[in-house]
């Protein structure tokens, strides 16, 4: 239940932040990522490597030999 509450809180916080940015004329998250990628072309691949590394770490199952699921 705590994970569900945390995910809902993250979604609501993101939505509130994006709404605030749009209403005040500030940069949204997507515009910030686009600007960052334009200035630093390596940002996209580096971000992909980090997310891919986390996905492999969490979902590939290599950790099960050390800590089997009961």
PDB file of N, CA and C in Angstrom:
ATOM      1  N   UNK A   1       0.819  -1.198   0.000  1.00  0.00           N
ATOM      2  CA  UNK A   1       0.000   0.000   0.000  1.00  0.00           C
ATOM      3  C   UNK A   1       0.864   1.265   0.000  1.00  0.00           C
ATOM      4  N   UNK A   2       1.990   1.196   0.701  1.00  0.00           N
ATOM      5  CA  UNK A   2       2.852   2.375   0.767  1.00  0.00           C
ATOM      6  C   UNK A   2       3.406   2.739  -0.606  1.00  0.00           C
ATOM      7  N   UNK A   3       3.703   1.721  -1.442  1.00  0.00           N
ATOM      8  CA  UNK A   3       4.213   1.991  -2.787  1.00  0.00           C
ATOM      9  C   UNK A   3       3.147   2.652  -3.650  1.00  0.00           C
ATOM     10  N   UNK A   4       1.907   2.204  -3.513  1.00  0.00           N
ATOM     11  CA  UNK A   4       0.814   2.815  -4.271  1.00  0.00           C
ATOM     12  C   UNK A   4       0.654   4.276  -3.890  1.00  0.00           C
ATOM     13  N   UNK A   5       0.676   4.563  -2.600  1.00  0.00           N
ATOM     14  CA  UNK A   5       0.551   5.946  -2.128  1.00  0.00           C
ATOM     15  C   UNK A   5       1.716   6.785  -2.645  1.00  0.00           C
ATOM     16  N   UNK A   6       2.925   6.222  -2.621  1.00  0.00           N
ATOM     17  CA  UNK A   6       4.092   6.955  -3.084  1.00  0.00           C
ATOM     18  C   UNK A   6       3.983   7.269  -4.579  1.00  0.00           C
ATOM     19  N   UNK A   7       3.567   6.283  -5.382  1.00  0.00           N
ATOM     20  CA  UNK A   7       3.436   6.500  -6.831  1.00  0.00           C
ATOM     21  C   UNK A   7       2.369   7.547  -7.131  1.00  0.00           C
ATOM     22  N   UNK A   8       1.241   7.486  -6.431  1.00  0.00           N
ATOM     23  CA  UNK A   8       0.187   8.490  -6.615  1.00  0.00           C
ATOM     24  C   UNK A   8       0.716   9.873  -6.234  1.00  0.00           C
ATOM     25  N   UNK A   9       1.469   9.967  -5.146  1.00  0.00           N
ATOM     26  CA  UNK A   9       2.042  11.250  -4.728  1.00  0.00           C
ATOM     27  C   UNK A   9       3.010  11.790  -5.780  1.00  0.00           C
ATOM     28  N   UNK A  10       3.819  10.919  -6.376  1.00  0.00           N
ATOM     29  CA  UNK A  10       4.752  11.347  -7.429  1.00  0.00           C
ATOM     30  C   UNK A  10       3.979  11.873  -8.634  1.00  0.00           C
ATOM     31  N   UNK A  11       2.950  11.157  -9.046  1.00  0.00           N
ATOM     32  CA  UNK A  11       2.143  11.582 -10.194  1.00  0.00           C
ATOM     33  C   UNK A  11       1.469  12.918  -9.925  1.00  0.00           C
ATOM     34  N   UNK A  12       0.882  13.072  -8.737  1.00  0.00           N
ATOM     35  CA  UNK A  12       0.205  14.332  -8.404  1.00  0.00           C
ATOM     36  C   UNK A  12       1.196  15.492  -8.305  1.00  0.00           C
ATOM     37  N   UNK A  13       2.372  15.231  -7.753  1.00  0.00           N
ATOM     38  CA  UNK A  13       3.396  16.276  -7.676  1.00  0.00           C
ATOM     39  C   UNK A  13       3.850  16.695  -9.069  1.00  0.00           C
ATOM     40  N   UNK A  14       4.063  15.727  -9.956  1.00  0.00           N
ATOM     41  CA  UNK A  14       4.452  16.031 -11.330  1.00  0.00           C
ATOM     42  C   UNK A  14       3.366  16.853 -12.028  1.00  0.00           C
ATOM     43  N   UNK A  15       2.110  16.424 -11.880  1.00  0.00           N
ATOM     44  CA  UNK A  15       1.000  17.142 -12.519  1.00  0.00           C
ATOM     45  C   UNK A  15       0.885  18.564 -11.984  1.00  0.00           C
ATOM     46  N   UNK A  16       1.049  18.737 -10.687  1.00  0.00           N
ATOM     47  CA  UNK A  16       0.971  20.078 -10.094  1.00  0.00           C
ATOM     48  C   UNK A  16       2.114  20.955 -10.606  1.00  0.00           C
ATOM     49  N   UNK A  17       3.311  20.388 -10.685  1.00  0.00           N
ATOM     50  CA  UNK A  17       4.454  21.156 -11.179  1.00  0.00           C
ATOM     51  C   UNK A  17       4.301  21.561 -12.632  1.00  0.00           C
ATOM     52  N   UNK A  18       3.830  20.647 -13.470  1.00  0.00           N
ATOM     53  CA  UNK A  18       3.619  20.965 -14.884  1.00  0.00           C
ATOM     54  C   UNK A  18       2.520  22.022 -15.047  1.00  0.00           C
ATOM     55  N   UNK A  19       1.446  21.886 -14.283  1.00  0.00           N
ATOM     56  CA  UNK A  19       0.359  22.868 -14.346  1.00  0.00           C
ATOM     57  C   UNK A  19       0.859  24.242 -13.932  1.00  0.00           C
ATOM     58  N   UNK A  20       1.631  24.295 -12.866  1.00  0.00           N
ATOM     59  CA  UNK A  20       2.179  25.566 -12.400  1.00  0.00           C
ATOM     60  C   UNK A  20       3.093  26.182 -13.461  1.00  0.00           C
ATOM     61  N   UNK A  21       3.929  25.374 -14.094  1.00  0.00           N
ATOM     62  CA  UNK A  21       4.827  25.883 -15.134  1.00  0.00           C
ATOM     63  C   UNK A  21       4.046  26.436 -16.320  1.00  0.00           C
ATOM     64  N   UNK A  22       3.019  25.738 -16.730  1.00  0.00           N
ATOM     65  CA  UNK A  22       2.220  26.189 -17.873  1.00  0.00           C
ATOM     66  C   UNK A  22       1.489  27.480 -17.536  1.00  0.00           C
ATOM     67  N   UNK A  23       0.912  27.573 -16.354  1.00  0.00           N
ATOM     68  CA  UNK A  23       0.151  28.772 -15.969  1.00  0.00           C
ATOM     69  C   UNK A  23       1.036  29.990 -15.761  1.00  0.00           C
ATOM     70  N   UNK A  24       2.268  29.784 -15.304  1.00  0.00           N
ATOM     71  CA  UNK A  24       3.156  30.919 -15.049  1.00  0.00           C
ATOM     72  C   UNK A  24       4.101  31.212 -16.206  1.00  0.00           C
ATOM     73  N   UNK A  25       4.030  30.394 -17.261  1.00  0.00           N
ATOM     74  CA  UNK A  25       4.875  30.638 -18.422  1.00  0.00           C
ATOM     75  C   UNK A  25       6.306  30.161 -18.256  1.00  0.00           C
ATOM     76  N   UNK A  26       6.557  29.313 -17.308  1.00  0.00           N
ATOM     77  CA  UNK A  26       7.898  28.772 -17.100  1.00  0.00           C
ATOM     78  C   UNK A  26       8.105  27.534 -17.966  1.00  0.00           C
ATOM     79  N   UNK A  27       9.345  27.059 -18.004  1.00  0.00           N
ATOM     80  CA  UNK A  27       9.662  25.866 -18.804  1.00  0.00           C
ATOM     81  C   UNK A  27       9.085  24.618 -18.147  1.00  0.00           C
ATOM     82  N   UNK A  28       8.438  23.788 -18.956  1.00  0.00           N
ATOM     83  CA  UNK A  28       7.948  22.502 -18.471  1.00  0.00           C
ATOM     84  C   UNK A  28       9.102  21.504 -18.464  1.00  0.00           C
ATOM     85  N   UNK A  29       8.860  20.324 -17.915  1.00  0.00           N
ATOM     86  CA  UNK A  29       9.902  19.303 -17.866  1.00  0.00           C
ATOM     87  C   UNK A  29      10.335  18.882 -19.270  1.00  0.00           C
ATOM     88  N   UNK A  30       9.378  18.713 -20.174  1.00  0.00           N
ATOM     89  CA  UNK A  30       9.739  18.293 -21.528  1.00  0.00           C
ATOM     90  C   UNK A  30      10.561  19.361 -22.244  1.00  0.00           C
ATOM     91  N   UNK A  31      10.248  20.631 -22.035  1.00  0.00           N
ATOM     92  CA  UNK A  31      11.032  21.710 -22.651  1.00  0.00           C
ATOM     93  C   UNK A  31      12.428  21.763 -22.044  1.00  0.00           C
ATOM     94  N   UNK A  32      12.531  21.526 -20.750  1.00  0.00           N
ATOM     95  CA  UNK A  32      13.834  21.525 -20.090  1.00  0.00           C
ATOM     96  C   UNK A  32      14.702  20.391 -20.613  1.00  0.00           C
ATOM     97  N   UNK A  33      14.125  19.203 -20.772  1.00  0.00           N
ATOM     98  CA  UNK A  33      14.876  18.061 -21.303  1.00  0.00           C
ATOM     99  C   UNK A  33      15.295  18.336 -22.745  1.00  0.00           C
ATOM    100  N   UNK A  34      14.422  18.933 -23.533  1.00  0.00           N
ATOM    101  CA  UNK A  34      14.761  19.257 -24.919  1.00  0.00           C
ATOM    102  C   UNK A  34      15.917  20.249 -24.958  1.00  0.00           C
ATOM    103  N   UNK A  35      15.845  21.299 -24.138  1.00  0.00           N
ATOM    104  CA  UNK A  35      16.904  22.301 -24.101  1.00  0.00           C
ATOM    105  C   UNK A  35      18.228  21.680 -23.646  1.00  0.00           C
ATOM    106  N   UNK A  36      18.162  20.843 -22.630  1.00  0.00           N
ATOM    107  CA  UNK A  36      19.359  20.177 -22.132  1.00  0.00           C
ATOM    108  C   UNK A  36      19.965  19.268 -23.203  1.00  0.00           C
ATOM    109  N   UNK A  37      19.109  18.552 -23.928  1.00  0.00           N
ATOM    110  CA  UNK A  37      19.596  17.670 -25.000  1.00  0.00           C
ATOM    111  C   UNK A  37      20.188  18.458 -26.160  1.00  0.00           C
ATOM    112  N   UNK A  38      19.655  19.640 -26.402  1.00  0.00           N
ATOM    113  CA  UNK A  38      20.191  20.487 -27.472  1.00  0.00           C
ATOM    114  C   UNK A  38      21.585  20.990 -27.104  1.00  0.00           C
ATOM    115  N   UNK A  39      21.763  21.397 -25.846  1.00  0.00           N
ATOM    116  CA  UNK A  39      23.053  21.926 -25.400  1.00  0.00           C
ATOM    117  C   UNK A  39      24.084  20.817 -25.154  1.00  0.00           C
ATOM    118  N   UNK A  40      23.627  19.672 -24.662  1.00  0.00           N
ATOM    119  CA  UNK A  40      24.516  18.551 -24.341  1.00  0.00           C
ATOM    120  C   UNK A  40      23.965  17.301 -25.021  1.00  0.00           C
ATOM    121  N   UNK A  41      24.353  17.039 -26.274  1.00  0.00           N
ATOM    122  CA  UNK A  41      23.798  15.904 -27.019  1.00  0.00           C
ATOM    123  C   UNK A  41      24.011  14.551 -26.345  1.00  0.00           C
ATOM    124  N   UNK A  42      24.969  14.435 -25.457  1.00  0.00           N
ATOM    125  CA  UNK A  42      25.227  13.180 -24.771  1.00  0.00           C
ATOM    126  C   UNK A  42      24.222  12.908 -23.662  1.00  0.00           C
ATOM    127  N   UNK A  43      23.386  13.884 -23.319  1.00  0.00           N
ATOM    128  CA  UNK A  43      22.439  13.715 -22.221  1.00  0.00           C
ATOM    129  C   UNK A  43      21.466  12.563 -22.483  1.00  0.00           C
ATOM    130  N   UNK A  44      20.911  12.485 -23.684  1.00  0.00           N
ATOM    131  CA  UNK A  44      19.944  11.434 -24.008  1.00  0.00           C
ATOM    132  C   UNK A  44      20.524  10.035 -23.880  1.00  0.00           C
ATOM    133  N   UNK A  45      21.647   9.757 -24.551  1.00  0.00           N
ATOM    134  CA  UNK A  45      22.248   8.427 -24.394  1.00  0.00           C
ATOM    135  C   UNK A  45      22.674   8.125 -22.957  1.00  0.00           C
ATOM    136  N   UNK A  46      23.204   9.117 -22.250  1.00  0.00           N
ATOM    137  CA  UNK A  46      23.618   8.895 -20.869  1.00  0.00           C
ATOM    138  C   UNK A  46      22.404   8.573 -19.987  1.00  0.00           C
ATOM    139  N   UNK A  47      21.320   9.305 -20.189  1.00  0.00           N
ATOM    140  CA  UNK A  47      20.086   9.046 -19.442  1.00  0.00           C
ATOM    141  C   UNK A  47      19.574   7.637 -19.758  1.00  0.00           C
ATOM    142  N   UNK A  48      19.637   7.252 -21.032  1.00  0.00           N
ATOM    143  CA  UNK A  48      19.218   5.912 -21.435  1.00  0.00           C
ATOM    144  C   UNK A  48      20.066   4.824 -20.798  1.00  0.00           C
ATOM    145  N   UNK A  49      21.372   5.063 -20.701  1.00  0.00           N
ATOM    146  CA  UNK A  49      22.247   4.091 -20.047  1.00  0.00           C
ATOM    147  C   UNK A  49      21.901   3.934 -18.570  1.00  0.00           C
ATOM    148  N   UNK A  50      21.622   5.039 -17.907  1.00  0.00           N
ATOM    149  CA  UNK A  50      21.274   4.973 -16.483  1.00  0.00           C
ATOM    150  C   UNK A  50      19.965   4.221 -16.288  1.00  0.00           C
ATOM    151  N   UNK A  51      18.938   4.577 -17.053  1.00  0.00           N
ATOM    152  CA  UNK A  51      17.640   3.903 -16.925  1.00  0.00           C
ATOM    153  C   UNK A  51      17.764   2.435 -17.337  1.00  0.00           C
ATOM    154  N   UNK A  52      18.506   2.154 -18.398  1.00  0.00           N
ATOM    155  CA  UNK A  52      18.713   0.773 -18.827  1.00  0.00           C
ATOM    156  C   UNK A  52      19.470  -0.029 -17.783  1.00  0.00           C
ATOM    157  N   UNK A  53      20.469   0.573 -17.174  1.00  0.00           N
ATOM    158  CA  UNK A  53      21.211  -0.103 -16.115  1.00  0.00           C
ATOM    159  C   UNK A  53      20.330  -0.430 -14.925  1.00  0.00           C
ATOM    160  N   UNK A  54      19.466   0.503 -14.569  1.00  0.00           N
ATOM    161  CA  UNK A  54      18.537   0.234 -13.469  1.00  0.00           C
ATOM    162  C   UNK A  54      17.550  -0.862 -13.841  1.00  0.00           C
ATOM    163  N   UNK A  55      17.070  -0.849 -15.079  1.00  0.00           N
ATOM    164  CA  UNK A  55      16.125  -1.881 -15.518  1.00  0.00           C
ATOM    165  C   UNK A  55      16.782  -3.263 -15.471  1.00  0.00           C
ATOM    166  N   UNK A  56      18.023  -3.351 -15.934  1.00  0.00           N
ATOM    167  CA  UNK A  56      18.737  -4.627 -15.896  1.00  0.00           C
ATOM    168  C   UNK A  56      18.959  -5.053 -14.438  1.00  0.00           C
ATOM    169  N   UNK A  57      19.337  -4.113 -13.610  1.00  0.00           N
ATOM    170  CA  UNK A  57      19.588  -4.427 -12.200  1.00  0.00           C
ATOM    171  C   UNK A  57      18.334  -4.956 -11.510  1.00  0.00           C
ATOM    172  N   UNK A  58      17.197  -4.312 -11.774  1.00  0.00           N
ATOM    173  CA  UNK A  58      15.973  -4.684 -11.068  1.00  0.00           C
ATOM    174  C   UNK A  58      15.235  -5.866 -11.693  1.00  0.00           C
ATOM    175  N   UNK A  59      15.257  -5.994 -13.028  1.00  0.00           N
ATOM    176  CA  UNK A  59      14.352  -6.934 -13.673  1.00  0.00           C
ATOM    177  C   UNK A  59      15.017  -8.115 -14.369  1.00  0.00           C
ATOM    178  N   UNK A  60      16.331  -8.138 -14.478  1.00  0.00           N
ATOM    179  CA  UNK A  60      16.973  -9.226 -15.190  1.00  0.00           C
ATOM    180  C   UNK A  60      17.004 -10.496 -14.345  1.00  0.00           C
ATOM    181  N   UNK A  61      17.060 -10.366 -13.057  1.00  0.00           N
ATOM    182  CA  UNK A  61      17.035 -11.515 -12.176  1.00  0.00           C
ATOM    183  C   UNK A  61      18.398 -11.971 -11.720  1.00  0.00           C
ATOM    184  N   UNK A  62      19.424 -11.209 -11.993  1.00  0.00           N
ATOM    185  CA  UNK A  62      20.760 -11.604 -11.585  1.00  0.00           C
ATOM    186  C   UNK A  62      20.967 -11.605 -10.085  1.00  0.00           C
ATOM    187  N   UNK A  63      20.155 -10.870  -9.373  1.00  0.00           N
ATOM    188  CA  UNK A  63      20.309 -10.786  -7.927  1.00  0.00           C
ATOM    189  C   UNK A  63      19.713 -12.002  -7.220  1.00  0.00           C
ATOM    190  N   UNK A  64      18.877 -12.784  -7.904  1.00  0.00           N
ATOM    191  CA  UNK A  64      18.188 -13.894  -7.238  1.00  0.00           C
ATOM    192  C   UNK A  64      19.133 -14.963  -6.724  1.00  0.00           C
ATOM    193  N   UNK A  65      20.304 -15.101  -7.311  1.00  0.00           N
ATOM    194  CA  UNK A  65      21.244 -16.103  -6.810  1.00  0.00           C
ATOM    195  C   UNK A  65      21.791 -15.687  -5.438  1.00  0.00           C
ATOM    196  N   UNK A  66      21.765 -14.414  -5.122  1.00  0.00           N
ATOM    197  CA  UNK A  66      22.243 -13.934  -3.830  1.00  0.00           C
ATOM    198  C   UNK A  66      21.118 -13.818  -2.806  1.00  0.00           C
ATOM    199  N   UNK A  67      19.952 -13.456  -3.256  1.00  0.00           N
ATOM    200  CA  UNK A  67      18.815 -13.254  -2.356  1.00  0.00           C
ATOM    201  C   UNK A  67      17.570 -13.853  -2.988  1.00  0.00           C
ATOM    202  N   UNK A  68      17.416 -15.183  -2.912  1.00  0.00           N
ATOM    203  CA  UNK A  68      16.262 -15.818  -3.555  1.00  0.00           C
ATOM    204  C   UNK A  68      14.938 -15.338  -2.966  1.00  0.00           C
ATOM    205  N   UNK A  69      13.953 -15.190  -3.831  1.00  0.00           N
ATOM    206  CA  UNK A  69      12.619 -14.790  -3.424  1.00  0.00           C
ATOM    207  C   UNK A  69      11.951 -15.970  -2.750  1.00  0.00           C
ATOM    208  N   UNK A  70      11.354 -15.755  -1.590  1.00  0.00           N
ATOM    209  CA  UNK A  70      10.706 -16.841  -0.859  1.00  0.00           C
ATOM    210  C   UNK A  70       9.216 -16.808  -1.059  1.00  0.00           C
TER     211      UNK A  70
END
